Amino acid sequence: MNMKLVLVLGSACLVSACATTDDPREGGFVSGVQGLSSGAYERRVRDREDNLARLRAVQDDLKQETTGLDAQKQQRQKLLDEEQRKLASLNKDVKALEKKLAALSKEQGTSDKRVAELDKRLRELKGQL
């Protein structure tokens, strides 16, 4: 009986000397039993699930923001393309008026009223650029 008592006390001392942890990756059998019985594992799982839910919410917000920014970028690109088309058209008009002005200047001289009107129109178009 004495030997049994020594074995039981020795085993109890060995088990009580084991360090326990809530982390299932680090603990052994005793830590596992303690973690399950104390609810520590469930708390860890719940905390991690809550954190995952927060991260997913942030991810969803960022996706929505990205979608909005992409739409805004496309809209501004369309406006830029339209303005570039207008600019190209105005440049074409200016060149045509310059040619017309040069031709009229040769034919009728620079004092002609028509040349003055075209020159004025040309300056207006250049001012719009």
N, C-alpha and C. Protein backbone atom coordinates (compact mmCIF):
# COMPACT_ATOMS: atom_id res chain seq x y z
N MET A 1 0.81 -1.17 0.00
CA MET A 1 0.00 0.00 0.00
C MET A 1 0.86 1.24 0.00
N ASN A 2 1.94 1.17 0.69
CA ASN A 2 2.88 2.27 0.74
C ASN A 2 3.42 2.59 -0.65
N MET A 3 3.72 1.56 -1.40
CA MET A 3 4.25 1.72 -2.76
C MET A 3 3.21 2.33 -3.67
N LYS A 4 1.95 1.93 -3.50
CA LYS A 4 0.89 2.50 -4.32
C LYS A 4 0.71 3.99 -4.01
N LEU A 5 0.80 4.32 -2.75
CA LEU A 5 0.68 5.72 -2.35
C LEU A 5 1.80 6.55 -2.93
N VAL A 6 2.99 6.01 -2.93
CA VAL A 6 4.14 6.73 -3.50
C VAL A 6 3.94 6.90 -5.01
N LEU A 7 3.47 5.87 -5.68
CA LEU A 7 3.23 5.98 -7.12
C LEU A 7 2.15 7.00 -7.44
N VAL A 8 1.07 7.00 -6.69
CA VAL A 8 -0.02 7.96 -6.92
C VAL A 8 0.46 9.38 -6.65
N LEU A 9 1.16 9.57 -5.55
CA LEU A 9 1.67 10.91 -5.24
C LEU A 9 2.71 11.36 -6.25
N GLY A 10 3.56 10.44 -6.67
CA GLY A 10 4.58 10.76 -7.68
C GLY A 10 3.94 11.14 -9.01
N SER A 11 2.92 10.39 -9.40
CA SER A 11 2.21 10.71 -10.65
C SER A 11 1.51 12.06 -10.54
N ALA A 12 0.92 12.31 -9.40
CA ALA A 12 0.23 13.60 -9.19
C ALA A 12 1.23 14.75 -9.26
N CYS A 13 2.39 14.54 -8.69
CA CYS A 13 3.43 15.59 -8.75
C CYS A 13 3.89 15.82 -10.18
N LEU A 14 4.07 14.75 -10.92
CA LEU A 14 4.51 14.90 -12.31
C LEU A 14 3.46 15.62 -13.15
N VAL A 15 2.20 15.25 -12.97
CA VAL A 15 1.12 15.88 -13.74
C VAL A 15 0.97 17.33 -13.34
N SER A 16 1.07 17.63 -12.06
CA SER A 16 0.90 19.02 -11.62
C SER A 16 2.10 19.87 -12.01
N ALA A 17 3.24 19.27 -12.24
CA ALA A 17 4.43 20.02 -12.64
C ALA A 17 4.40 20.39 -14.12
N CYS A 18 3.53 19.76 -14.89
CA CYS A 18 3.45 20.07 -16.33
C CYS A 18 2.87 21.47 -16.51
N ALA A 19 3.50 22.25 -17.36
CA ALA A 19 2.99 23.58 -17.68
C ALA A 19 1.83 23.43 -18.65
N THR A 20 0.79 24.19 -18.44
CA THR A 20 -0.36 24.12 -19.33
C THR A 20 -0.47 25.43 -20.09
N THR A 21 -1.06 25.34 -21.25
CA THR A 21 -1.24 26.53 -22.08
C THR A 21 -2.58 26.42 -22.80
N ASP A 22 -3.11 27.58 -23.18
CA ASP A 22 -4.37 27.60 -23.92
C ASP A 22 -4.16 27.34 -25.40
N ASP A 23 -2.94 27.40 -25.85
CA ASP A 23 -2.64 27.23 -27.27
C ASP A 23 -2.57 25.74 -27.59
N PRO A 24 -3.49 25.23 -28.41
CA PRO A 24 -3.50 23.80 -28.71
C PRO A 24 -2.27 23.34 -29.49
N ARG A 25 -1.56 24.27 -30.10
CA ARG A 25 -0.36 23.87 -30.84
C ARG A 25 0.81 23.58 -29.91
N GLU A 26 0.77 24.13 -28.71
CA GLU A 26 1.90 23.99 -27.80
C GLU A 26 1.64 23.01 -26.66
N GLY A 27 0.41 22.81 -26.31
CA GLY A 27 0.10 22.00 -25.15
C GLY A 27 0.13 20.52 -25.43
N GLY A 28 0.14 19.77 -24.37
CA GLY A 28 0.08 18.32 -24.47
C GLY A 28 -1.30 17.84 -24.05
N PHE A 29 -1.33 16.64 -23.58
CA PHE A 29 -2.60 16.03 -23.18
C PHE A 29 -3.26 16.81 -22.05
N VAL A 30 -2.49 17.14 -21.04
CA VAL A 30 -3.04 17.84 -19.87
C VAL A 30 -3.57 19.21 -20.29
N SER A 31 -2.80 19.91 -21.11
CA SER A 31 -3.26 21.23 -21.58
C SER A 31 -4.52 21.09 -22.43
N GLY A 32 -4.58 20.03 -23.21
CA GLY A 32 -5.77 19.80 -24.03
C GLY A 32 -7.00 19.57 -23.19
N VAL A 33 -6.86 18.75 -22.18
CA VAL A 33 -7.99 18.48 -21.28
C VAL A 33 -8.39 19.75 -20.55
N GLN A 34 -7.39 20.49 -20.07
CA GLN A 34 -7.69 21.73 -19.36
C GLN A 34 -8.34 22.75 -20.31
N GLY A 35 -7.83 22.85 -21.53
CA GLY A 35 -8.39 23.80 -22.50
C GLY A 35 -9.83 23.47 -22.85
N LEU A 36 -10.11 22.19 -23.00
CA LEU A 36 -11.48 21.77 -23.32
C LEU A 36 -12.42 22.00 -22.14
N SER A 37 -11.96 21.66 -20.95
CA SER A 37 -12.84 21.77 -19.78
C SER A 37 -13.05 23.23 -19.36
N SER A 38 -12.07 24.08 -19.56
CA SER A 38 -12.21 25.47 -19.13
C SER A 38 -12.89 26.34 -20.19
N GLY A 39 -13.05 25.84 -21.39
CA GLY A 39 -13.66 26.62 -22.46
C GLY A 39 -12.67 27.53 -23.17
N ALA A 40 -11.39 27.40 -22.85
CA ALA A 40 -10.37 28.27 -23.45
C ALA A 40 -10.29 28.05 -24.96
N TYR A 41 -10.41 26.82 -25.39
CA TYR A 41 -10.33 26.55 -26.84
C TYR A 41 -11.51 27.19 -27.57
N GLU A 42 -12.69 27.09 -26.96
CA GLU A 42 -13.86 27.69 -27.59
C GLU A 42 -13.71 29.21 -27.68
N ARG A 43 -13.14 29.82 -26.62
CA ARG A 43 -12.90 31.27 -26.65
C ARG A 43 -11.91 31.63 -27.75
N ARG A 44 -10.86 30.83 -27.89
CA ARG A 44 -9.87 31.09 -28.96
C ARG A 44 -10.53 31.01 -30.33
N VAL A 45 -11.35 29.98 -30.51
CA VAL A 45 -12.04 29.81 -31.80
C VAL A 45 -12.98 30.98 -32.04
N ARG A 46 -13.74 31.37 -31.04
CA ARG A 46 -14.68 32.48 -31.17
C ARG A 46 -13.94 33.79 -31.47
N ASP A 47 -12.83 34.03 -30.77
CA ASP A 47 -12.03 35.24 -31.02
C ASP A 47 -11.51 35.27 -32.45
N ARG A 48 -11.03 34.13 -32.90
CA ARG A 48 -10.50 34.07 -34.27
C ARG A 48 -11.62 34.24 -35.30
N GLU A 49 -12.78 33.66 -35.04
CA GLU A 49 -13.91 33.83 -35.96
C GLU A 49 -14.37 35.28 -36.00
N ASP A 50 -14.38 35.94 -34.83
CA ASP A 50 -14.74 37.36 -34.79
C ASP A 50 -13.74 38.20 -35.58
N ASN A 51 -12.47 37.89 -35.40
CA ASN A 51 -11.43 38.61 -36.14
C ASN A 51 -11.57 38.38 -37.64
N LEU A 52 -11.86 37.15 -38.02
CA LEU A 52 -12.06 36.83 -39.44
C LEU A 52 -13.25 37.60 -40.00
N ALA A 53 -14.32 37.68 -39.23
CA ALA A 53 -15.51 38.43 -39.68
C ALA A 53 -15.18 39.91 -39.87
N ARG A 54 -14.40 40.48 -38.94
CA ARG A 54 -14.00 41.89 -39.08
C ARG A 54 -13.14 42.08 -40.33
N LEU A 55 -12.21 41.18 -40.55
CA LEU A 55 -11.34 41.29 -41.73
C LEU A 55 -12.14 41.16 -43.02
N ARG A 56 -13.12 40.28 -43.03
CA ARG A 56 -13.96 40.13 -44.23
C ARG A 56 -14.80 41.38 -44.47
N ALA A 57 -15.27 41.99 -43.39
CA ALA A 57 -16.04 43.24 -43.54
C ALA A 57 -15.17 44.34 -44.12
N VAL A 58 -13.94 44.43 -43.63
CA VAL A 58 -13.00 45.42 -44.17
C VAL A 58 -12.72 45.12 -45.64
N GLN A 59 -12.55 43.86 -45.96
CA GLN A 59 -12.30 43.46 -47.35
C GLN A 59 -13.48 43.84 -48.24
N ASP A 60 -14.69 43.61 -47.77
CA ASP A 60 -15.89 43.99 -48.54
C ASP A 60 -15.94 45.50 -48.76
N ASP A 61 -15.63 46.26 -47.69
CA ASP A 61 -15.62 47.72 -47.83
C ASP A 61 -14.59 48.16 -48.87
N LEU A 62 -13.43 47.54 -48.83
CA LEU A 62 -12.37 47.90 -49.79
C LEU A 62 -12.77 47.52 -51.22
N LYS A 63 -13.46 46.40 -51.37
CA LYS A 63 -13.93 46.00 -52.71
C LYS A 63 -14.93 47.02 -53.25
N GLN A 64 -15.85 47.47 -52.38
CA GLN A 64 -16.83 48.47 -52.80
C GLN A 64 -16.14 49.78 -53.17
N GLU A 65 -15.17 50.16 -52.38
CA GLU A 65 -14.43 51.40 -52.68
C GLU A 65 -13.68 51.27 -54.00
N THR A 66 -13.08 50.11 -54.23
CA THR A 66 -12.37 49.88 -55.49
C THR A 66 -13.32 49.94 -56.67
N THR A 67 -14.49 49.35 -56.52
CA THR A 67 -15.49 49.39 -57.59
C THR A 67 -15.89 50.83 -57.89
N GLY A 68 -16.12 51.61 -56.85
CA GLY A 68 -16.48 53.02 -57.03
C GLY A 68 -15.38 53.81 -57.71
N LEU A 69 -14.15 53.56 -57.28
CA LEU A 69 -13.01 54.28 -57.88
C LEU A 69 -12.81 53.88 -59.33
N ASP A 70 -13.03 52.61 -59.64
CA ASP A 70 -12.91 52.17 -61.04
C ASP A 70 -13.96 52.83 -61.92
N ALA A 71 -15.18 52.94 -61.40
CA ALA A 71 -16.25 53.60 -62.17
C ALA A 71 -15.92 55.07 -62.38
N GLN A 72 -15.41 55.70 -61.34
CA GLN A 72 -15.02 57.11 -61.45
C GLN A 72 -13.88 57.29 -62.45
N LYS A 73 -12.95 56.38 -62.43
CA LYS A 73 -11.83 56.44 -63.38
C LYS A 73 -12.32 56.31 -64.81
N GLN A 74 -13.24 55.37 -65.04
CA GLN A 74 -13.78 55.19 -66.40
C GLN A 74 -14.53 56.43 -66.86
N GLN A 75 -15.31 57.03 -65.96
CA GLN A 75 -16.06 58.23 -66.31
C GLN A 75 -15.10 59.37 -66.67
N ARG A 76 -14.06 59.54 -65.89
CA ARG A 76 -13.11 60.61 -66.17
C ARG A 76 -12.31 60.34 -67.44
N GLN A 77 -12.05 59.08 -67.71
CA GLN A 77 -11.35 58.74 -68.95
C GLN A 77 -12.22 59.09 -70.15
N LYS A 78 -13.53 58.84 -70.05
CA LYS A 78 -14.45 59.20 -71.13
C LYS A 78 -14.45 60.71 -71.35
N LEU A 79 -14.48 61.48 -70.25
CA LEU A 79 -14.43 62.93 -70.37
C LEU A 79 -13.13 63.40 -71.01
N LEU A 80 -12.04 62.79 -70.60
CA LEU A 80 -10.74 63.14 -71.18
C LEU A 80 -10.71 62.83 -72.67
N ASP A 81 -11.21 61.67 -73.05
CA ASP A 81 -11.24 61.29 -74.47
C ASP A 81 -12.08 62.28 -75.28
N GLU A 82 -13.22 62.68 -74.72
CA GLU A 82 -14.09 63.64 -75.41
C GLU A 82 -13.39 64.99 -75.57
N GLU A 83 -12.73 65.45 -74.52
CA GLU A 83 -12.01 66.73 -74.59
C GLU A 83 -10.86 66.65 -75.60
N GLN A 84 -10.21 65.51 -75.67
CA GLN A 84 -9.12 65.36 -76.65
C GLN A 84 -9.67 65.37 -78.07
N ARG A 85 -10.85 64.77 -78.27
CA ARG A 85 -11.48 64.82 -79.60
C ARG A 85 -11.84 66.26 -79.97
N LYS A 86 -12.39 67.00 -79.00
CA LYS A 86 -12.73 68.40 -79.26
C LYS A 86 -11.48 69.21 -79.60
N LEU A 87 -10.41 68.98 -78.86
CA LEU A 87 -9.16 69.69 -79.11
C LEU A 87 -8.62 69.37 -80.50
N ALA A 88 -8.67 68.12 -80.89
CA ALA A 88 -8.20 67.73 -82.22
C ALA A 88 -9.05 68.40 -83.30
N SER A 89 -10.36 68.48 -83.08
CA SER A 89 -11.24 69.13 -84.03
C SER A 89 -10.94 70.63 -84.13
N LEU A 90 -10.71 71.26 -82.98
CA LEU A 90 -10.37 72.69 -82.99
C LEU A 90 -9.04 72.94 -83.69
N ASN A 91 -8.07 72.07 -83.45
CA ASN A 91 -6.78 72.21 -84.13
C ASN A 91 -6.94 72.08 -85.63
N LYS A 92 -7.80 71.17 -86.04
CA LYS A 92 -8.07 70.99 -87.47
C LYS A 92 -8.71 72.25 -88.05
N ASP A 93 -9.68 72.82 -87.32
CA ASP A 93 -10.33 74.05 -87.77
C ASP A 93 -9.33 75.20 -87.87
N VAL A 94 -8.45 75.30 -86.89
CA VAL A 94 -7.44 76.37 -86.91
C VAL A 94 -6.55 76.24 -88.13
N LYS A 95 -6.10 75.04 -88.42
CA LYS A 95 -5.23 74.84 -89.59
C LYS A 95 -5.97 75.19 -90.88
N ALA A 96 -7.24 74.81 -90.95
CA ALA A 96 -8.02 75.12 -92.15
C ALA A 96 -8.17 76.63 -92.31
N LEU A 97 -8.43 77.33 -91.20
CA LEU A 97 -8.56 78.78 -91.27
C LEU A 97 -7.23 79.45 -91.61
N GLU A 98 -6.15 78.92 -91.10
CA GLU A 98 -4.83 79.48 -91.44
C GLU A 98 -4.57 79.35 -92.94
N LYS A 99 -4.91 78.20 -93.51
CA LYS A 99 -4.73 78.01 -94.95
C LYS A 99 -5.61 78.97 -95.74
N LYS A 100 -6.85 79.09 -95.29
CA LYS A 100 -7.78 79.98 -95.98
C LYS A 100 -7.31 81.43 -95.90
N LEU A 101 -6.83 81.82 -94.73
CA LEU A 101 -6.32 83.17 -94.54
C LEU A 101 -5.11 83.43 -95.42
N ALA A 102 -4.23 82.47 -95.49
CA ALA A 102 -3.04 82.64 -96.33
C ALA A 102 -3.44 82.75 -97.80
N ALA A 103 -4.40 81.94 -98.22
CA ALA A 103 -4.84 81.99 -99.62
C ALA A 103 -5.52 83.32 -99.92
N LEU A 104 -6.36 83.80 -99.04
CA LEU A 104 -7.03 85.07 -99.26
C LEU A 104 -6.05 86.24 -99.23
N SER A 105 -5.07 86.15 -98.38
CA SER A 105 -4.06 87.21 -98.32
C SER A 105 -3.32 87.31 -99.63
N LYS A 106 -3.02 86.19 -100.23
CA LYS A 106 -2.33 86.19 -101.51
C LYS A 106 -3.21 86.79 -102.60
N GLU A 107 -4.48 86.41 -102.60
CA GLU A 107 -5.38 86.83 -103.67
C GLU A 107 -5.78 88.29 -103.56
N GLN A 108 -6.16 88.72 -102.38
CA GLN A 108 -6.79 90.03 -102.27
C GLN A 108 -6.02 91.03 -101.43
N GLY A 109 -4.97 90.63 -100.78
CA GLY A 109 -4.22 91.57 -99.95
C GLY A 109 -4.70 91.52 -98.51
N THR A 110 -3.90 92.06 -97.65
CA THR A 110 -4.19 91.98 -96.21
C THR A 110 -5.22 92.99 -95.74
N SER A 111 -5.57 93.96 -96.54
CA SER A 111 -6.53 94.97 -96.11
C SER A 111 -7.97 94.55 -96.34
N ASP A 112 -8.17 93.43 -96.94
CA ASP A 112 -9.52 92.96 -97.24
C ASP A 112 -10.29 92.67 -95.94
N LYS A 113 -11.56 93.03 -95.94
CA LYS A 113 -12.43 92.83 -94.78
C LYS A 113 -12.57 91.35 -94.45
N ARG A 114 -12.67 90.51 -95.43
CA ARG A 114 -12.83 89.06 -95.23
C ARG A 114 -11.60 88.49 -94.52
N VAL A 115 -10.45 88.94 -94.90
CA VAL A 115 -9.21 88.46 -94.27
C VAL A 115 -9.21 88.87 -92.80
N ALA A 116 -9.65 90.08 -92.51
CA ALA A 116 -9.70 90.55 -91.13
C ALA A 116 -10.68 89.72 -90.30
N GLU A 117 -11.82 89.38 -90.89
CA GLU A 117 -12.80 88.55 -90.18
C GLU A 117 -12.23 87.16 -89.89
N LEU A 118 -11.58 86.58 -90.88
CA LEU A 118 -10.98 85.26 -90.68
C LEU A 118 -9.85 85.31 -89.66
N ASP A 119 -9.10 86.38 -89.69
CA ASP A 119 -8.01 86.53 -88.73
C ASP A 119 -8.58 86.62 -87.31
N LYS A 120 -9.67 87.37 -87.17
CA LYS A 120 -10.33 87.49 -85.87
C LYS A 120 -10.84 86.13 -85.40
N ARG A 121 -11.47 85.42 -86.31
CA ARG A 121 -12.00 84.08 -85.98
C ARG A 121 -10.87 83.14 -85.58
N LEU A 122 -9.76 83.24 -86.27
CA LEU A 122 -8.60 82.41 -85.98
C LEU A 122 -8.07 82.70 -84.57
N ARG A 123 -8.00 83.95 -84.21
CA ARG A 123 -7.53 84.32 -82.86
C ARG A 123 -8.51 83.81 -81.80
N GLU A 124 -9.80 83.87 -82.09
CA GLU A 124 -10.80 83.36 -81.14
C GLU A 124 -10.62 81.86 -80.92
N LEU A 125 -10.41 81.14 -82.02
CA LEU A 125 -10.22 79.69 -81.90
C LEU A 125 -8.95 79.36 -81.13
N LYS A 126 -7.90 80.11 -81.39
CA LYS A 126 -6.65 79.87 -80.65
C LYS A 126 -6.82 80.20 -79.17
N GLY A 127 -7.64 81.19 -78.89
CA GLY A 127 -7.91 81.55 -77.50
C GLY A 127 -8.68 80.47 -76.77
N GLN A 128 -9.50 79.72 -77.48
CA GLN A 128 -10.26 78.63 -76.87
C GLN A 128 -9.37 77.45 -76.53
N LEU A 129 -8.26 77.32 -77.22
CA LEU A 129 -7.36 76.21 -76.95
C LEU A 129 -6.68 76.45 -75.64
